[in-house]
Amino acid sequence: MVFNSSICCLLLYIFIVVSSISSTNSLKTENHKSVNQTFRSEEDLQKLKKTIATRLQKINKPAVKTIQVPNGDIIDCVLTHKQLAFDHPLLKGQKPMDLPKSLREKNQSGNMSDFQLWNLFGESCPEGTIPVRRVTEQDMLRAYSINSFGKKLADPVPHDHAVAIVSQDEYFGAQATFNVWSPYVEVQSEFSLSQMWVSSGTDGEDLNSIEAGWHVYPHLYGDNRPRFFIYWTADAYKSTGCYNLACPGFVHTNQNFPIGAALPKFSTYKGQQFAITLKIMKDKNTGNWLLVIGAGNIIGYWPTTLFSHLKNDADEIHFGGEIVNEKSRGAHTSTAMGSGHFAEEGFGKAAYIRNMQVIDSDNKLIPLENPTYVASNPNCYNIQGKYSPKWGDHMYFGGPGKSDKCP
């Protein structure tokens, strides 16, 4: 009996150890993508936090005024000429450019408060400053690594997209109206978006891309709210560029609009529809690429010196939706695109992008010429291109992800 009891105890001990190791390895595998989710000693953790604090000090410039938004965001009002953009080696010593005279008057028009949660509480930044969403330690700890914070991965997991593409001319910008949704995102590191791309160069090699739209991206923000975002790269996402203002580059000029902040209004299925109009256009005088929202509200610009191919013009414009598919449960993700409903359901049910236009060499908005509509995985997310006198070139797109049609 003693011998049998000892064996039983030994077997129980081995089972507990093996289970513990298996559980630990499982947790490590599941959480390998976040810098704070591996097992560390207290000393390692303190070193990590010190590194993060140093990085945050570089990103978060001193604030003239700080605004705490009820959703948890902190908005810092930073002197325009002291913003992070001017830490870029090619922009050091510069100051924000003067707005083009043709848009200066319009820059003060439009109801910006419709699109930014912080404005709803009567808050604003003083003249001569810009609103910047503060990057926190928690934001940084969710990153794949300290150095990759705010960047897309050059070799990402599979994406699904539904896009309209034009690529038969020289383009000097684009404009469209995007209705905003709050799609379900299955896991923190996946996202769902609707945006436009202005690009030139070779994908995977030296692609230059300027992007703007709305997305839901828990990994970046720590929540599931739809947010306005921008992105840029000059080398196919390898080392240059970032989301919003997480790295030097984009020059913010509008004191009323914090990039990366939550959009308080979004569309509901069979309910009210909310949309934002975005324009990216090349300023012919400076060569810089302007970002414009709504009725002529200039938000800022991407300096032409950041780019190689986009120094001149763009050779491709995309409009559409995109999701990340990590297959975390061994099947296609259930992350939704747009409203989570297919294109054929139409207005009030599916996501849309309307009045899609490009800007020609005379700085005029013109219709799309022979757009190509592409859905990479139509059983999961599809697209329908249409035309009407009121909405011009427009598209419905989206889908639920994992379903009977999309296993």
Protein backbone atom coordinates (compact mmCIF):
# COMPACT_ATOMS: atom_id res chain seq x y z
CA MET A 1 0.00 0.00 0.00
CA VAL A 2 2.81 2.43 0.85
CA PHE A 3 4.49 1.66 -2.48
CA ASN A 4 1.22 2.24 -4.39
CA SER A 5 0.51 5.49 -2.50
CA SER A 6 3.97 6.80 -3.30
CA ILE A 7 3.49 6.04 -6.98
CA CYS A 8 0.12 7.76 -6.93
CA CYS A 9 1.60 10.84 -5.27
CA LEU A 10 4.48 10.89 -7.76
CA LEU A 11 2.09 10.56 -10.71
CA LEU A 12 -0.12 13.33 -9.29
CA TYR A 13 2.94 15.57 -8.85
CA ILE A 14 4.07 14.94 -12.43
CA PHE A 15 0.56 15.67 -13.71
CA ILE A 16 0.44 19.00 -11.86
CA VAL A 17 3.90 20.06 -13.13
CA VAL A 18 3.11 19.07 -16.73
CA SER A 19 -0.26 20.84 -16.57
CA SER A 20 1.42 23.95 -15.17
CA ILE A 21 4.06 23.95 -17.92
CA SER A 22 1.42 23.35 -20.59
CA SER A 23 -0.74 26.16 -19.20
CA THR A 24 2.22 28.52 -19.05
CA ASN A 25 3.30 27.68 -22.60
CA SER A 26 -0.27 28.12 -23.80
CA LEU A 27 -0.46 31.55 -22.19
CA LYS A 28 2.89 32.52 -23.64
CA THR A 29 1.79 31.42 -27.11
CA GLU A 30 -1.54 33.22 -26.84
CA ASN A 31 -0.02 36.46 -25.63
CA HIS A 32 3.29 36.53 -27.50
CA LYS A 33 2.35 39.66 -29.41
CA SER A 34 2.27 42.14 -26.52
CA VAL A 35 5.35 43.42 -24.79
CA ASN A 36 3.80 43.14 -21.33
CA GLN A 37 2.31 39.66 -21.71
CA THR A 38 5.36 37.45 -21.32
CA PHE A 39 6.60 36.23 -17.97
CA ARG A 40 9.27 38.61 -16.65
CA SER A 41 11.17 39.18 -13.48
CA GLU A 42 10.43 42.31 -11.51
CA GLU A 43 13.79 43.72 -12.61
CA ASP A 44 12.98 43.12 -16.29
CA LEU A 45 9.60 44.76 -15.83
CA GLN A 46 11.11 47.87 -14.31
CA LYS A 47 13.64 48.11 -17.15
CA LEU A 48 10.80 47.79 -19.64
CA LYS A 49 8.80 50.55 -17.95
CA LYS A 50 11.85 52.82 -17.93
CA THR A 51 12.32 52.24 -21.67
CA ILE A 52 8.64 52.97 -22.27
CA ALA A 53 8.82 56.18 -20.17
CA THR A 54 11.75 57.41 -22.29
CA ARG A 55 9.83 56.68 -25.51
CA LEU A 56 6.68 58.36 -24.20
CA GLN A 57 8.66 61.47 -23.32
CA LYS A 58 9.72 61.74 -26.97
CA ILE A 59 6.23 61.15 -28.34
CA ASN A 60 4.17 63.23 -25.89
CA LYS A 61 5.27 66.83 -26.22
CA PRO A 62 4.71 69.34 -23.35
CA ALA A 63 1.10 70.51 -23.18
CA VAL A 64 -0.17 74.07 -22.81
CA LYS A 65 -3.51 72.62 -21.71
CA THR A 66 -4.69 69.07 -20.97
CA ILE A 67 -8.24 67.80 -21.48
CA GLN A 68 -9.56 64.56 -19.95
CA VAL A 69 -12.27 63.04 -22.15
CA PRO A 70 -14.94 60.86 -20.42
CA ASN A 71 -14.06 57.86 -22.62
CA GLY A 72 -10.58 57.79 -21.05
CA ASP A 73 -8.64 59.65 -23.75
CA ILE A 74 -6.31 62.46 -22.69
CA ILE A 75 -5.98 65.34 -25.16
CA ASP A 76 -2.86 67.51 -24.91
CA CYS A 77 -2.88 70.96 -26.48
CA VAL A 78 0.64 71.22 -27.93
CA LEU A 79 2.20 74.31 -29.47
CA THR A 80 1.88 73.83 -33.22
CA HIS A 81 5.56 74.47 -33.95
CA LYS A 82 6.64 72.14 -31.11
CA GLN A 83 4.74 69.06 -32.32
CA LEU A 84 6.40 65.68 -32.90
CA ALA A 85 6.40 66.11 -36.70
CA PHE A 86 9.34 68.48 -36.51
CA ASP A 87 11.54 65.84 -34.86
CA HIS A 88 11.82 64.24 -38.30
CA PRO A 89 15.35 64.78 -39.69
CA LEU A 90 13.91 66.22 -42.93
CA LEU A 91 11.64 68.66 -41.06
CA LYS A 92 13.88 69.89 -38.24
CA GLY A 93 13.86 73.67 -37.90
CA GLN A 94 10.73 74.08 -40.02
CA LYS A 95 7.42 75.62 -39.00
CA PRO A 96 3.92 74.71 -40.22
CA MET A 97 3.25 76.02 -43.70
CA ASP A 98 0.66 78.72 -44.32
CA LEU A 99 -2.69 77.41 -45.48
CA PRO A 100 -3.46 77.82 -49.19
CA LYS A 101 -5.44 81.03 -49.72
CA SER A 102 -8.10 79.15 -51.67
CA LEU A 103 -8.97 77.08 -48.57
CA ARG A 104 -8.12 79.49 -45.75
CA GLU A 105 -11.65 80.84 -45.43
CA LYS A 106 -13.27 77.41 -45.63
CA ASN A 107 -10.94 76.11 -42.95
CA GLN A 108 -13.13 77.73 -40.32
CA SER A 109 -16.40 76.25 -41.61
CA GLY A 110 -18.15 72.98 -40.94
CA ASN A 111 -19.45 71.49 -37.69
CA MET A 112 -16.36 69.71 -36.40
CA SER A 113 -18.03 68.83 -33.09
CA ASP A 114 -20.21 66.28 -34.91
CA PHE A 115 -17.13 64.12 -35.39
CA GLN A 116 -15.13 64.43 -32.18
CA LEU A 117 -16.26 63.25 -28.76
CA TRP A 118 -14.16 65.79 -26.87
CA ASN A 119 -15.89 68.76 -28.55
CA LEU A 120 -19.25 67.66 -27.17
CA PHE A 121 -18.20 68.80 -23.69
CA GLY A 122 -17.33 72.36 -24.72
CA GLU A 123 -13.57 71.77 -24.65
CA SER A 124 -11.12 73.22 -27.13
CA CYS A 125 -7.42 73.97 -27.53
CA PRO A 126 -6.09 77.56 -27.46
CA GLU A 127 -5.02 79.44 -30.58
CA GLY A 128 -1.55 78.39 -31.72
CA THR A 129 -1.87 74.82 -30.43
CA ILE A 130 -3.05 71.49 -31.80
CA PRO A 131 -4.97 68.72 -29.97
CA VAL A 132 -2.97 65.50 -29.66
CA ARG A 133 -4.30 62.25 -28.16
CA ARG A 134 -1.76 61.33 -25.47
CA VAL A 135 -0.03 57.97 -25.83
CA THR A 136 -0.07 56.12 -22.49
CA GLU A 137 2.01 53.37 -20.94
CA GLN A 138 -0.95 51.02 -21.47
CA ASP A 139 -0.98 51.85 -25.19
CA MET A 140 2.71 51.06 -25.42
CA LEU A 141 2.40 47.81 -23.45
CA ARG A 142 -0.14 46.50 -25.97
CA ALA A 143 2.35 46.99 -28.82
CA TYR A 144 4.18 44.09 -30.49
CA SER A 145 7.39 45.80 -29.39
CA ILE A 146 8.45 49.25 -28.20
CA ASN A 147 9.99 50.09 -31.56
CA SER A 148 6.96 48.91 -33.55
CA PHE A 149 4.41 50.98 -31.61
CA GLY A 150 1.99 52.73 -33.95
CA LYS A 151 3.23 50.89 -37.06
CA LYS A 152 1.78 48.27 -39.35
CA LEU A 153 3.74 45.05 -39.60
CA ALA A 154 5.65 44.66 -42.87
CA ASP A 155 4.78 40.94 -42.84
CA PRO A 156 1.27 40.89 -41.35
CA VAL A 157 -1.23 38.09 -40.88
CA PRO A 158 -3.74 37.62 -43.72
CA HIS A 159 -6.10 40.49 -44.51
CA ASP A 160 -9.43 40.48 -46.35
CA HIS A 161 -10.49 43.54 -48.32
CA ALA A 162 -13.30 44.87 -50.52
CA VAL A 163 -12.07 47.83 -52.57
CA ALA A 164 -12.61 50.02 -55.62
CA ILE A 165 -9.38 50.65 -57.54
CA VAL A 166 -8.40 53.16 -60.24
CA SER A 167 -4.93 53.06 -61.74
CA GLN A 168 -5.05 54.43 -65.28
CA ASP A 169 -3.83 57.99 -64.86
CA GLU A 170 -1.80 60.47 -62.82
CA TYR A 171 -3.71 61.44 -59.67
CA PHE A 172 -3.26 64.46 -57.43
CA GLY A 173 -5.64 63.34 -54.72
CA ALA A 174 -9.05 61.85 -54.03
CA GLN A 175 -12.27 62.54 -52.14
CA ALA A 176 -15.18 60.44 -50.87
CA THR A 177 -17.85 60.24 -48.17
CA PHE A 178 -17.71 57.23 -45.81
CA ASN A 179 -20.55 56.19 -43.56
CA VAL A 180 -19.29 55.22 -40.11
CA TRP A 181 -20.11 51.97 -38.29
CA SER A 182 -18.97 50.24 -35.13
CA PRO A 183 -18.18 46.71 -36.35
CA TYR A 184 -17.51 43.75 -34.07
CA VAL A 185 -13.81 42.85 -33.78
CA GLU A 186 -13.14 39.31 -32.51
CA VAL A 187 -9.69 39.69 -30.95
CA GLN A 188 -7.69 42.69 -29.78
CA SER A 189 -5.04 42.49 -32.50
CA GLU A 190 -7.52 42.46 -35.40
CA PHE A 191 -9.09 45.59 -36.88
CA SER A 192 -11.91 46.62 -39.20
CA LEU A 193 -11.74 49.79 -41.31
CA SER A 194 -13.10 51.91 -44.14
CA GLN A 195 -10.60 54.22 -45.83
CA MET A 196 -8.96 55.56 -48.96
CA TRP A 197 -5.40 54.99 -50.13
CA VAL A 198 -3.40 57.42 -52.31
CA SER A 199 -0.31 55.54 -53.44
CA SER A 200 2.58 55.18 -55.87
CA GLY A 201 5.46 52.74 -56.21
CA THR A 202 5.72 48.96 -55.95
CA ASP A 203 3.86 47.06 -53.24
CA GLY A 204 6.27 45.13 -51.00
CA GLU A 205 9.28 47.09 -52.21
CA ASP A 206 9.17 50.91 -52.30
CA LEU A 207 5.44 51.69 -52.02
CA ASN A 208 4.53 55.25 -50.97
CA SER A 209 1.05 55.38 -49.42
CA ILE A 210 -1.08 58.03 -47.73
CA GLU A 211 -4.22 56.76 -46.00
CA ALA A 212 -7.21 58.17 -44.10
CA GLY A 213 -10.52 56.81 -42.83
CA TRP A 214 -12.13 55.31 -39.74
CA HIS A 215 -11.34 52.06 -37.97
CA VAL A 216 -12.00 49.95 -34.87
CA TYR A 217 -8.65 48.73 -33.55
CA PRO A 218 -8.52 47.58 -29.89
CA HIS A 219 -4.80 46.76 -30.07
CA LEU A 220 -3.94 50.37 -30.82
CA TYR A 221 -6.39 52.20 -28.53
CA GLY A 222 -7.52 49.70 -25.89
CA ASP A 223 -11.21 49.99 -26.82
CA ASN A 224 -13.72 49.14 -29.55
CA ARG A 225 -14.80 52.65 -30.52
CA PRO A 226 -14.74 53.77 -34.15
CA ARG A 227 -11.99 56.38 -34.55
CA PHE A 228 -10.73 58.65 -37.31
CA PHE A 229 -7.20 57.68 -38.32
CA ILE A 230 -4.42 58.43 -40.78
CA TYR A 231 -1.37 56.46 -41.89
CA TRP A 232 1.63 56.94 -44.18
CA THR A 233 4.63 54.96 -45.40
CA ALA A 234 7.45 55.64 -47.85
CA ASP A 235 8.88 52.11 -48.02
CA ALA A 236 5.98 49.62 -48.15
CA TYR A 237 5.46 49.66 -44.35
CA LYS A 238 8.98 48.42 -43.62
CA SER A 239 10.35 51.18 -41.39
CA THR A 240 8.80 54.56 -42.25
CA GLY A 241 5.47 56.00 -41.20
CA CYS A 242 2.88 55.26 -38.55
CA TYR A 243 -0.70 55.64 -37.42
CA ASN A 244 -1.89 59.13 -36.54
CA LEU A 245 0.85 61.14 -34.79
CA ALA A 246 2.83 58.27 -33.25
CA CYS A 247 5.97 59.20 -35.19
CA PRO A 248 7.39 62.35 -36.82
CA GLY A 249 5.99 63.12 -40.27
CA PHE A 250 2.41 64.37 -40.60
CA VAL A 251 2.12 68.06 -39.67
CA HIS A 252 -1.08 68.80 -37.73
CA THR A 253 -2.46 72.35 -38.15
CA ASN A 254 -6.07 72.33 -36.91
CA GLN A 255 -6.73 73.33 -33.29
CA ASN A 256 -10.19 71.71 -33.30
CA PHE A 257 -9.54 68.17 -34.50
CA PRO A 258 -7.52 65.53 -32.54
CA ILE A 259 -6.45 62.73 -34.87
CA GLY A 260 -7.11 59.28 -33.43
CA ALA A 261 -9.96 60.49 -31.23
CA ALA A 262 -13.26 58.61 -31.02
CA LEU A 263 -16.11 59.39 -33.40
CA PRO A 264 -19.21 59.79 -31.18
CA LYS A 265 -21.78 59.14 -33.91
CA PHE A 266 -22.03 56.03 -36.06
CA SER A 267 -24.64 54.37 -38.25
CA THR A 268 -27.11 51.76 -37.03
CA TYR A 269 -28.73 48.93 -38.96
CA LYS A 270 -32.04 50.18 -40.48
CA GLY A 271 -31.45 53.37 -38.49
CA GLN A 272 -29.82 56.77 -38.86
CA GLN A 273 -26.70 56.92 -41.02
CA PHE A 274 -23.67 59.08 -40.14
CA ALA A 275 -20.87 59.83 -42.58
CA ILE A 276 -17.64 61.82 -42.89
CA THR A 277 -16.21 63.39 -46.06
CA LEU A 278 -12.45 63.10 -46.52
CA LYS A 279 -10.14 64.59 -49.12
CA ILE A 280 -6.41 64.08 -49.71
CA MET A 281 -5.05 66.58 -52.22
CA LYS A 282 -1.67 67.76 -53.47
CA ASP A 283 -0.95 71.45 -52.89
CA LYS A 284 0.51 72.57 -56.20
CA ASN A 285 2.53 75.41 -54.62
CA THR A 286 4.41 73.37 -52.01
CA GLY A 287 3.98 69.79 -53.26
CA ASN A 288 2.69 68.79 -49.82
CA TRP A 289 -0.34 66.49 -49.49
CA LEU A 290 -3.22 68.15 -47.61
CA LEU A 291 -5.76 66.32 -45.44
CA VAL A 292 -9.21 67.95 -45.57
CA ILE A 293 -12.36 66.92 -43.68
CA GLY A 294 -15.94 68.05 -44.23
CA ALA A 295 -16.56 71.50 -45.71
CA GLY A 296 -12.94 72.46 -46.33
CA ASN A 297 -11.53 71.87 -42.85
CA ILE A 298 -7.79 71.42 -43.35
CA ILE A 299 -6.41 69.12 -40.66
CA GLY A 300 -2.77 69.21 -41.74
CA TYR A 301 -0.41 67.85 -44.36
CA TRP A 302 2.17 65.22 -45.25
CA PRO A 303 5.34 67.04 -46.40
CA THR A 304 6.41 66.00 -49.89
CA THR A 305 9.96 65.49 -48.59
CA LEU A 306 8.79 62.34 -46.78
CA PHE A 307 8.28 60.53 -50.06
CA SER A 308 10.04 59.36 -53.21
CA HIS A 309 7.26 58.44 -55.67
CA LEU A 310 4.63 60.73 -54.12
CA LYS A 311 6.88 63.74 -54.62
CA ASN A 312 5.10 64.07 -57.96
CA ASP A 313 1.73 62.35 -58.17
CA ALA A 314 -0.07 59.11 -57.32
CA ASP A 315 -0.57 56.29 -59.79
CA GLU A 316 -3.25 54.38 -57.86
CA ILE A 317 -6.27 55.25 -55.69
CA HIS A 318 -8.19 52.73 -53.56
CA PHE A 319 -11.46 53.14 -51.64
CA GLY A 320 -12.85 50.39 -49.43
CA GLY A 321 -12.89 48.17 -46.40
CA GLU A 322 -10.33 45.88 -44.81
CA ILE A 323 -10.08 43.49 -41.87
CA VAL A 324 -7.35 41.36 -40.26
CA ASN A 325 -8.03 37.62 -40.13
CA GLU A 326 -5.89 35.93 -37.46
CA LYS A 327 -7.95 32.72 -37.37
CA SER A 328 -7.42 32.70 -33.61
CA ARG A 329 -9.96 29.90 -33.14
CA GLY A 330 -8.72 27.84 -36.06
CA ALA A 331 -11.34 29.20 -38.46
CA HIS A 332 -12.01 32.45 -40.28
CA THR A 333 -12.46 35.38 -37.92
CA SER A 334 -15.93 36.68 -37.06
CA THR A 335 -14.61 40.26 -37.21
CA ALA A 336 -17.16 42.21 -39.23
CA MET A 337 -16.46 44.57 -42.11
CA GLY A 338 -18.59 47.71 -42.32
CA SER A 339 -22.01 47.02 -40.80
CA GLY A 340 -21.40 43.28 -40.75
CA HIS A 341 -23.93 42.86 -43.59
CA PHE A 342 -23.35 42.08 -47.25
CA ALA A 343 -23.37 44.71 -50.00
CA GLU A 344 -26.64 43.56 -51.60
CA GLU A 345 -28.64 44.69 -48.55
CA GLY A 346 -28.05 48.28 -49.66
CA PHE A 347 -28.70 51.60 -47.94
CA GLY A 348 -29.23 51.63 -44.18
CA LYS A 349 -28.04 48.05 -43.86
CA ALA A 350 -24.66 47.76 -45.62
CA ALA A 351 -21.68 50.12 -45.36
CA TYR A 352 -21.17 52.55 -48.21
CA ILE A 353 -18.61 54.93 -49.68
CA ARG A 354 -20.21 57.50 -51.98
CA ASN A 355 -19.21 60.31 -54.32
CA MET A 356 -15.83 58.70 -54.94
CA GLN A 357 -13.75 61.10 -57.02
CA VAL A 358 -10.14 61.68 -57.98
CA ILE A 359 -8.27 64.96 -58.49
CA ASP A 360 -6.72 65.60 -61.90
CA SER A 361 -3.70 67.69 -62.93
CA ASP A 362 -5.91 70.82 -63.07
CA ASN A 363 -6.87 70.31 -59.40
CA LYS A 364 -10.43 69.37 -60.37
CA LEU A 365 -12.52 66.60 -58.86
CA ILE A 366 -13.57 64.15 -61.57
CA PRO A 367 -15.48 60.82 -61.64
CA LEU A 368 -13.66 57.51 -61.50
CA GLU A 369 -12.66 56.10 -64.86
CA ASN A 370 -13.30 52.37 -65.22
CA PRO A 371 -13.01 51.47 -61.53
CA THR A 372 -12.27 47.85 -60.67
CA TYR A 373 -14.21 46.40 -57.73
CA VAL A 374 -12.38 43.62 -55.91
CA ALA A 375 -13.39 41.44 -52.95
CA SER A 376 -10.53 39.18 -51.85
CA ASN A 377 -12.89 36.74 -50.08
CA PRO A 378 -16.46 37.34 -51.36
CA ASN A 379 -17.99 34.56 -49.27
CA CYS A 380 -16.98 36.51 -46.16
CA TYR A 381 -17.15 40.14 -47.36
CA ASN A 382 -18.39 41.38 -50.72
CA ILE A 383 -18.71 44.59 -52.74
CA GLN A 384 -21.06 46.16 -55.30
CA GLY A 385 -20.07 49.18 -57.39
CA LYS A 386 -22.82 51.53 -58.54
CA TYR A 387 -23.44 54.94 -60.12
CA SER A 388 -26.22 57.50 -59.65
CA PRO A 389 -26.56 61.24 -60.41
CA LYS A 390 -26.77 62.10 -56.68
CA TRP A 391 -24.10 59.74 -55.28
CA GLY A 392 -21.88 59.53 -58.35
CA ASP A 393 -19.53 56.54 -58.20
CA HIS A 394 -20.38 54.70 -55.00
CA MET A 395 -20.09 51.26 -53.47
CA TYR A 396 -21.72 49.07 -50.87
CA PHE A 397 -19.50 46.58 -49.10
CA GLY A 398 -19.01 44.41 -46.03
CA GLY A 399 -19.99 41.17 -44.38
CA PRO A 400 -20.02 39.25 -41.09
CA GLY A 401 -16.87 37.18 -41.49
CA LYS A 402 -17.25 33.63 -40.20
CA SER A 403 -20.59 32.11 -41.24
CA ASP A 404 -21.97 29.11 -43.13
CA LYS A 405 -20.68 30.72 -46.35
CA CYS A 406 -17.38 31.66 -44.71
CA PRO A 407 -16.15 28.71 -42.60
